[in-house]
Amino acid sequence: QVPVVESGGGLVQPGDSLRVSCTTSGRTFSSYGIAWFRQVPGKEREFVAGVNWSRGSTYYGDSVKGRFTISRDFAKNTVDLQMNSLQPEDTAVYYCAARAGGVATRRELYEFWGQGTQVTVSS
């Protein structure tokens, strides 16, 4: 198995930036696809961004293009999501997910999930 852990959530005001990180415990992501999803109560879990660890190819959901950036950090063995120009509609629990394959937008294709980290954007 590949344990997945998120960190970096918090409370910010509209227009602020925040970075959340995803890492594994004792194992590199290797050739995995890693993605961030988010979920608001009463709504389906939404694909936010993804990166293929080996190739570095990135993908973004339409709602965050131009504002969020996903990246790899080989030294720290993390996948980071830089979130800029945050708005109230970005408020959600953000989950990191990994799968032994390329990035996909369907949540059911991911084998490993973190516990989620809360991001709240409010004035």
C-alpha atoms as a PDB file:
ATOM      1  CA  GLN A   1       0.000   0.000   0.000  1.00  0.00           C
ATOM      2  CA  VAL A   2       0.942   3.640  -0.378  1.00  0.00           C
ATOM      3  CA  PRO A   3      -0.026   5.729   2.647  1.00  0.00           C
ATOM      4  CA  VAL A   4      -1.080   9.232   1.657  1.00  0.00           C
ATOM      5  CA  VAL A   5      -1.070  12.213   4.000  1.00  0.00           C
ATOM      6  CA  GLU A   6      -2.169  15.799   3.351  1.00  0.00           C
ATOM      7  CA  SER A   7      -1.183  18.931   5.196  1.00  0.00           C
ATOM      8  CA  GLY A   8      -1.432  22.695   4.896  1.00  0.00           C
ATOM      9  CA  GLY A   9      -5.126  23.440   5.020  1.00  0.00           C
ATOM     10  CA  GLY A  10      -6.511  26.371   6.928  1.00  0.00           C
ATOM     11  CA  LEU A  11      -8.686  29.461   7.022  1.00  0.00           C
ATOM     12  CA  VAL A  12      -7.947  32.325   4.640  1.00  0.00           C
ATOM     13  CA  GLN A  13      -9.702  35.390   3.279  1.00  0.00           C
ATOM     14  CA  PRO A  14     -10.845  35.840  -0.327  1.00  0.00           C
ATOM     15  CA  GLY A  15      -7.920  36.677  -2.576  1.00  0.00           C
ATOM     16  CA  ASP A  16      -5.392  34.960  -0.349  1.00  0.00           C
ATOM     17  CA  SER A  17      -3.130  32.065  -1.242  1.00  0.00           C
ATOM     18  CA  LEU A  18      -2.577  28.722   0.392  1.00  0.00           C
ATOM     19  CA  ARG A  19      -0.442  25.675  -0.297  1.00  0.00           C
ATOM     20  CA  VAL A  20      -1.417  22.144   0.555  1.00  0.00           C
ATOM     21  CA  SER A  21       0.995  19.232   0.386  1.00  0.00           C
ATOM     22  CA  CYS A  22       0.657  15.527  -0.153  1.00  0.00           C
ATOM     23  CA  THR A  23       3.254  12.947   0.769  1.00  0.00           C
ATOM     24  CA  THR A  24       3.740   9.243   1.341  1.00  0.00           C
ATOM     25  CA  SER A  25       5.163   7.465   4.348  1.00  0.00           C
ATOM     26  CA  GLY A  26       8.376   5.588   3.652  1.00  0.00           C
ATOM     27  CA  ARG A  27       7.813   5.144  -0.047  1.00  0.00           C
ATOM     28  CA  THR A  28       8.322   7.303  -3.105  1.00  0.00           C
ATOM     29  CA  PHE A  29       5.435   8.007  -5.436  1.00  0.00           C
ATOM     30  CA  SER A  30       7.487   6.272  -8.131  1.00  0.00           C
ATOM     31  CA  SER A  31       5.434   6.022 -11.320  1.00  0.00           C
ATOM     32  CA  TYR A  32       2.117   6.930  -9.695  1.00  0.00           C
ATOM     33  CA  GLY A  33      -0.429   9.432 -10.776  1.00  0.00           C
ATOM     34  CA  ILE A  34      -1.255  11.823  -7.946  1.00  0.00           C
ATOM     35  CA  ALA A  35      -4.281  14.066  -7.839  1.00  0.00           C
ATOM     36  CA  TRP A  36      -6.085  16.535  -5.642  1.00  0.00           C
ATOM     37  CA  PHE A  37      -9.822  16.291  -5.268  1.00  0.00           C
ATOM     38  CA  ARG A  38     -12.139  18.447  -3.225  1.00  0.00           C
ATOM     39  CA  GLN A  39     -15.563  17.914  -1.759  1.00  0.00           C
ATOM     40  CA  VAL A  40     -18.245  20.166  -0.352  1.00  0.00           C
ATOM     41  CA  PRO A  41     -21.027  18.709   1.799  1.00  0.00           C
ATOM     42  CA  GLY A  42     -23.905  17.653  -0.411  1.00  0.00           C
ATOM     43  CA  LYS A  43     -21.846  17.656  -3.595  1.00  0.00           C
ATOM     44  CA  GLU A  44     -19.786  15.093  -5.453  1.00  0.00           C
ATOM     45  CA  ARG A  45     -16.043  14.934  -5.046  1.00  0.00           C
ATOM     46  CA  GLU A  46     -14.471  17.107  -7.735  1.00  0.00           C
ATOM     47  CA  PHE A  47     -11.187  16.661  -9.569  1.00  0.00           C
ATOM     48  CA  VAL A  48      -8.959  19.671  -8.981  1.00  0.00           C
ATOM     49  CA  ALA A  49      -5.513  18.876 -10.368  1.00  0.00           C
ATOM     50  CA  GLY A  50      -3.195  15.981 -11.044  1.00  0.00           C
ATOM     51  CA  VAL A  51       0.419  15.224 -11.874  1.00  0.00           C
ATOM     52  CA  ASN A  52       2.200  12.140 -13.115  1.00  0.00           C
ATOM     53  CA  TRP A  53       5.155  11.753 -10.778  1.00  0.00           C
ATOM     54  CA  SER A  54       7.535  10.297 -13.332  1.00  0.00           C
ATOM     55  CA  ARG A  55       6.776  12.355 -16.415  1.00  0.00           C
ATOM     56  CA  GLY A  56       5.643  15.540 -14.715  1.00  0.00           C
ATOM     57  CA  SER A  57       2.611  16.050 -16.908  1.00  0.00           C
ATOM     58  CA  THR A  58      -0.069  18.111 -15.187  1.00  0.00           C
ATOM     59  CA  TYR A  59      -3.831  18.406 -15.469  1.00  0.00           C
ATOM     60  CA  TYR A  60      -6.362  20.849 -14.052  1.00  0.00           C
ATOM     61  CA  GLY A  61     -10.055  21.069 -13.553  1.00  0.00           C
ATOM     62  CA  ASP A  62     -11.732  23.929 -15.369  1.00  0.00           C
ATOM     63  CA  SER A  63     -12.723  25.676 -12.169  1.00  0.00           C
ATOM     64  CA  VAL A  64      -9.114  26.179 -11.037  1.00  0.00           C
ATOM     65  CA  LYS A  65      -7.196  26.742 -14.262  1.00  0.00           C
ATOM     66  CA  GLY A  66      -5.060  29.836 -14.041  1.00  0.00           C
ATOM     67  CA  ARG A  67      -5.267  29.974 -10.247  1.00  0.00           C
ATOM     68  CA  PHE A  68      -3.917  26.659  -8.946  1.00  0.00           C
ATOM     69  CA  THR A  69      -0.589  25.027  -9.708  1.00  0.00           C
ATOM     70  CA  ILE A  70       0.338  21.439  -8.953  1.00  0.00           C
ATOM     71  CA  SER A  71       3.982  20.423  -8.728  1.00  0.00           C
ATOM     72  CA  ARG A  72       6.361  17.708  -7.617  1.00  0.00           C
ATOM     73  CA  ASP A  73       9.141  18.025  -5.087  1.00  0.00           C
ATOM     74  CA  PHE A  74      11.518  15.114  -5.463  1.00  0.00           C
ATOM     75  CA  ALA A  75      13.651  16.059  -2.472  1.00  0.00           C
ATOM     76  CA  LYS A  76      10.689  16.119  -0.106  1.00  0.00           C
ATOM     77  CA  ASN A  77       8.726  13.396  -1.874  1.00  0.00           C
ATOM     78  CA  THR A  78       5.675  15.609  -1.976  1.00  0.00           C
ATOM     79  CA  VAL A  79       3.077  16.849  -4.396  1.00  0.00           C
ATOM     80  CA  ASP A  80       2.125  20.430  -3.689  1.00  0.00           C
ATOM     81  CA  LEU A  81      -0.939  22.369  -4.726  1.00  0.00           C
ATOM     82  CA  GLN A  82      -0.420  26.119  -4.760  1.00  0.00           C
ATOM     83  CA  MET A  83      -3.796  27.818  -4.574  1.00  0.00           C
ATOM     84  CA  ASN A  84      -3.938  31.488  -5.493  1.00  0.00           C
ATOM     85  CA  SER A  85      -6.788  33.977  -5.661  1.00  0.00           C
ATOM     86  CA  LEU A  86      -8.890  31.813  -3.412  1.00  0.00           C
ATOM     87  CA  GLN A  87     -12.614  32.450  -3.341  1.00  0.00           C
ATOM     88  CA  PRO A  88     -15.407  31.253  -1.056  1.00  0.00           C
ATOM     89  CA  GLU A  89     -16.447  28.683  -3.633  1.00  0.00           C
ATOM     90  CA  ASP A  90     -13.048  27.023  -3.178  1.00  0.00           C
ATOM     91  CA  THR A  91     -14.013  26.116   0.368  1.00  0.00           C
ATOM     92  CA  ALA A  92     -13.939  22.339   0.671  1.00  0.00           C
ATOM     93  CA  VAL A  93     -12.162  19.377   2.116  1.00  0.00           C
ATOM     94  CA  TYR A  94      -9.186  18.751  -0.127  1.00  0.00           C
ATOM     95  CA  TYR A  95      -8.082  15.162  -0.626  1.00  0.00           C
ATOM     96  CA  CYS A  96      -4.906  13.765  -2.099  1.00  0.00           C
ATOM     97  CA  ALA A  97      -5.187  10.541  -4.048  1.00  0.00           C
ATOM     98  CA  ALA A  98      -2.725   8.241  -5.770  1.00  0.00           C
ATOM     99  CA  ARG A  99      -2.984   5.428  -8.253  1.00  0.00           C
ATOM    100  CA  ALA A 100      -0.582   3.059  -9.979  1.00  0.00           C
ATOM    101  CA  GLY A 101      -1.180   4.596 -13.354  1.00  0.00           C
ATOM    102  CA  GLY A 102      -1.658   7.903 -15.090  1.00  0.00           C
ATOM    103  CA  VAL A 103      -3.689  10.773 -13.731  1.00  0.00           C
ATOM    104  CA  ALA A 104      -7.411  10.261 -14.053  1.00  0.00           C
ATOM    105  CA  THR A 105     -10.369  12.460 -13.220  1.00  0.00           C
ATOM    106  CA  ARG A 106     -12.605   9.710 -11.862  1.00  0.00           C
ATOM    107  CA  ARG A 107     -12.292   9.255  -8.114  1.00  0.00           C
ATOM    108  CA  GLU A 108     -13.117   5.552  -8.242  1.00  0.00           C
ATOM    109  CA  LEU A 109      -9.911   4.868 -10.185  1.00  0.00           C
ATOM    110  CA  TYR A 110      -7.663   5.893  -7.305  1.00  0.00           C
ATOM    111  CA  GLU A 111      -6.363   3.236  -4.963  1.00  0.00           C
ATOM    112  CA  PHE A 112      -5.021   5.373  -2.131  1.00  0.00           C
ATOM    113  CA  TRP A 113      -6.521   8.371  -0.371  1.00  0.00           C
ATOM    114  CA  GLY A 114      -5.485  10.726   2.329  1.00  0.00           C
ATOM    115  CA  GLN A 115      -7.705  11.788   5.198  1.00  0.00           C
ATOM    116  CA  GLY A 116      -8.402  15.211   3.730  1.00  0.00           C
ATOM    117  CA  THR A 117      -7.534  18.712   4.859  1.00  0.00           C
ATOM    118  CA  GLN A 118     -10.022  21.540   5.301  1.00  0.00           C
ATOM    119  CA  VAL A 119      -9.623  24.708   3.271  1.00  0.00           C
ATOM    120  CA  THR A 120     -11.976  27.511   4.230  1.00  0.00           C
ATOM    121  CA  VAL A 121     -12.149  30.818   2.365  1.00  0.00           C
ATOM    122  CA  SER A 122     -14.231  33.382   4.207  1.00  0.00           C
ATOM    123  CA  SER A 123     -14.272  37.080   4.980  1.00  0.00           C
END
